[in-house]
Amino acid sequence: MSLHFGDNSSLNSSSVNTITTPAIFSGNTWYHIVVNVRGGNDMDFYINGVKNNSCSYSGSDTSMIFCTAGNQQKGSFGTHPGYPSVFSGTLDDYRVYNRTLNQQEINALYSFRP
């Protein structure tokens, strides 16, 4: 699974950073995914509350902006102009925070049962 972050100004490595996990995800199974993005290639990927230390990174963007100009995608999931839509599944709870989450917060979210 790869997730892309950046300033959304174009489709090259100077405007998009990617974090990729080699983890294998089974069909018909729910997963709790957290990605902490501090900037550039400074990201952490958590699966079911556990930090995945085997991720790879690409891109050289230094401007990490969630929302940009009106004609650009805002918080898109699974699609981006010029990229194929590759997400096929269901999202139960999608959140964007204005800060990174610590391990205790990630564990609390993973363990949360309404």
Protein backbone atom coordinates (compact mmCIF):
# COMPACT_ATOMS: atom_id res chain seq x y z
CA MET A 1 0.00 0.00 0.00
CA SER A 2 1.28 3.43 -0.91
CA LEU A 3 -0.01 6.75 0.35
CA HIS A 4 0.90 10.05 -1.31
CA PHE A 5 1.20 13.43 0.42
CA GLY A 6 2.32 16.82 -0.81
CA ASP A 7 1.31 20.29 -1.90
CA ASN A 8 -0.78 18.93 -4.80
CA SER A 9 0.69 21.41 -7.27
CA SER A 10 1.81 18.82 -9.82
CA LEU A 11 2.44 15.12 -10.29
CA ASN A 12 6.22 14.92 -9.93
CA SER A 13 8.53 14.01 -7.07
CA SER A 14 9.05 17.66 -6.14
CA SER A 15 5.37 18.04 -5.16
CA VAL A 16 4.43 14.57 -3.92
CA ASN A 17 5.98 12.33 -1.26
CA THR A 18 5.08 8.68 -0.98
CA ILE A 19 5.26 6.23 1.90
CA THR A 20 4.96 2.56 0.92
CA THR A 21 4.57 -0.41 3.22
CA PRO A 22 5.46 -3.92 2.07
CA ALA A 23 2.71 -5.30 4.34
CA ILE A 24 0.21 -7.66 2.73
CA PHE A 25 -3.44 -6.77 3.34
CA SER A 26 -6.05 -9.53 3.11
CA GLY A 27 -9.42 -8.98 1.49
CA ASN A 28 -12.55 -8.77 3.63
CA THR A 29 -10.52 -7.71 6.68
CA TRP A 30 -10.67 -4.38 8.53
CA TYR A 31 -7.36 -2.64 9.27
CA HIS A 32 -6.59 0.38 11.40
CA ILE A 33 -4.10 2.57 9.50
CA VAL A 34 -2.38 5.68 10.84
CA VAL A 35 0.18 7.70 8.92
CA ASN A 36 1.96 10.47 10.80
CA VAL A 37 3.29 13.05 8.35
CA ARG A 38 5.73 15.55 9.80
CA GLY A 39 6.98 16.70 6.40
CA GLY A 40 9.04 15.61 3.44
CA ASN A 41 10.00 11.97 3.84
CA ASP A 42 9.51 12.15 7.59
CA MET A 43 6.51 9.85 8.02
CA ASP A 44 5.45 6.87 10.14
CA PHE A 45 3.04 4.12 9.05
CA TYR A 46 1.06 2.19 11.70
CA ILE A 47 -1.01 -0.91 11.03
CA ASN A 48 -3.38 -2.01 13.80
CA GLY A 49 -1.49 0.11 16.33
CA VAL A 50 1.97 -1.22 15.42
CA LYS A 51 4.59 0.97 13.74
CA ASN A 52 5.78 -0.56 10.48
CA ASN A 53 9.54 -0.02 10.30
CA SER A 54 9.90 -1.57 6.83
CA CYS A 55 8.46 1.33 4.82
CA SER A 56 10.15 2.99 1.88
CA TYR A 57 9.89 6.65 0.92
CA SER A 58 10.10 8.57 -2.32
CA GLY A 59 9.68 12.17 -3.40
CA SER A 60 11.33 15.42 -2.40
CA ASP A 61 8.44 17.74 -1.58
CA THR A 62 9.14 20.10 1.31
CA SER A 63 5.69 21.72 1.43
CA MET A 64 3.10 19.49 3.07
CA ILE A 65 -0.30 21.16 2.61
CA PHE A 66 -3.61 19.35 3.14
CA CYS A 67 -5.92 21.86 1.43
CA THR A 68 -4.78 24.03 -1.45
CA ALA A 69 -6.30 26.21 -4.17
CA GLY A 70 -9.96 25.77 -5.11
CA ASN A 71 -9.33 23.91 -8.36
CA GLN A 72 -7.22 21.18 -6.75
CA GLN A 73 -8.14 17.99 -4.89
CA LYS A 74 -8.74 18.50 -1.17
CA GLY A 75 -8.11 15.44 0.94
CA SER A 76 -8.73 13.02 -1.92
CA PHE A 77 -8.52 9.34 -1.13
CA GLY A 78 -7.82 6.83 -3.88
CA THR A 79 -7.54 9.30 -6.71
CA HIS A 80 -5.49 12.21 -7.96
CA PRO A 81 -5.52 13.87 -11.37
CA GLY A 82 -3.09 11.88 -13.50
CA TYR A 83 -2.91 8.90 -11.14
CA PRO A 84 -5.15 5.87 -11.59
CA SER A 85 -7.77 5.32 -8.92
CA VAL A 86 -6.45 2.31 -7.03
CA PHE A 87 -8.36 2.27 -3.73
CA SER A 88 -11.03 -0.38 -3.74
CA GLY A 89 -12.63 -0.81 -0.35
CA THR A 90 -14.60 0.84 2.41
CA LEU A 91 -13.52 3.54 4.85
CA ASP A 92 -15.17 3.47 8.25
CA ASP A 93 -13.51 6.47 9.88
CA TYR A 94 -11.23 8.89 8.05
CA ARG A 95 -9.56 11.61 10.12
CA VAL A 96 -7.02 14.35 9.48
CA TYR A 97 -5.31 15.96 12.46
CA ASN A 98 -3.26 19.16 12.54
CA ARG A 99 -0.55 17.35 14.52
CA THR A 100 1.10 13.94 14.71
CA LEU A 101 -0.34 11.34 17.05
CA ASN A 102 1.77 9.66 19.72
CA GLN A 103 1.77 5.91 20.34
CA GLN A 104 -0.71 6.19 23.23
CA GLU A 105 -3.20 8.09 21.05
CA ILE A 106 -2.79 5.60 18.20
CA ASN A 107 -3.40 2.68 20.60
CA ALA A 108 -6.50 4.39 22.01
CA LEU A 109 -7.92 4.88 18.50
CA TYR A 110 -7.13 1.29 17.55
CA SER A 111 -8.77 -0.07 20.73
CA PHE A 112 -11.81 2.22 20.56
CA ARG A 113 -15.14 0.41 20.41
CA PRO A 114 -18.24 2.65 20.34
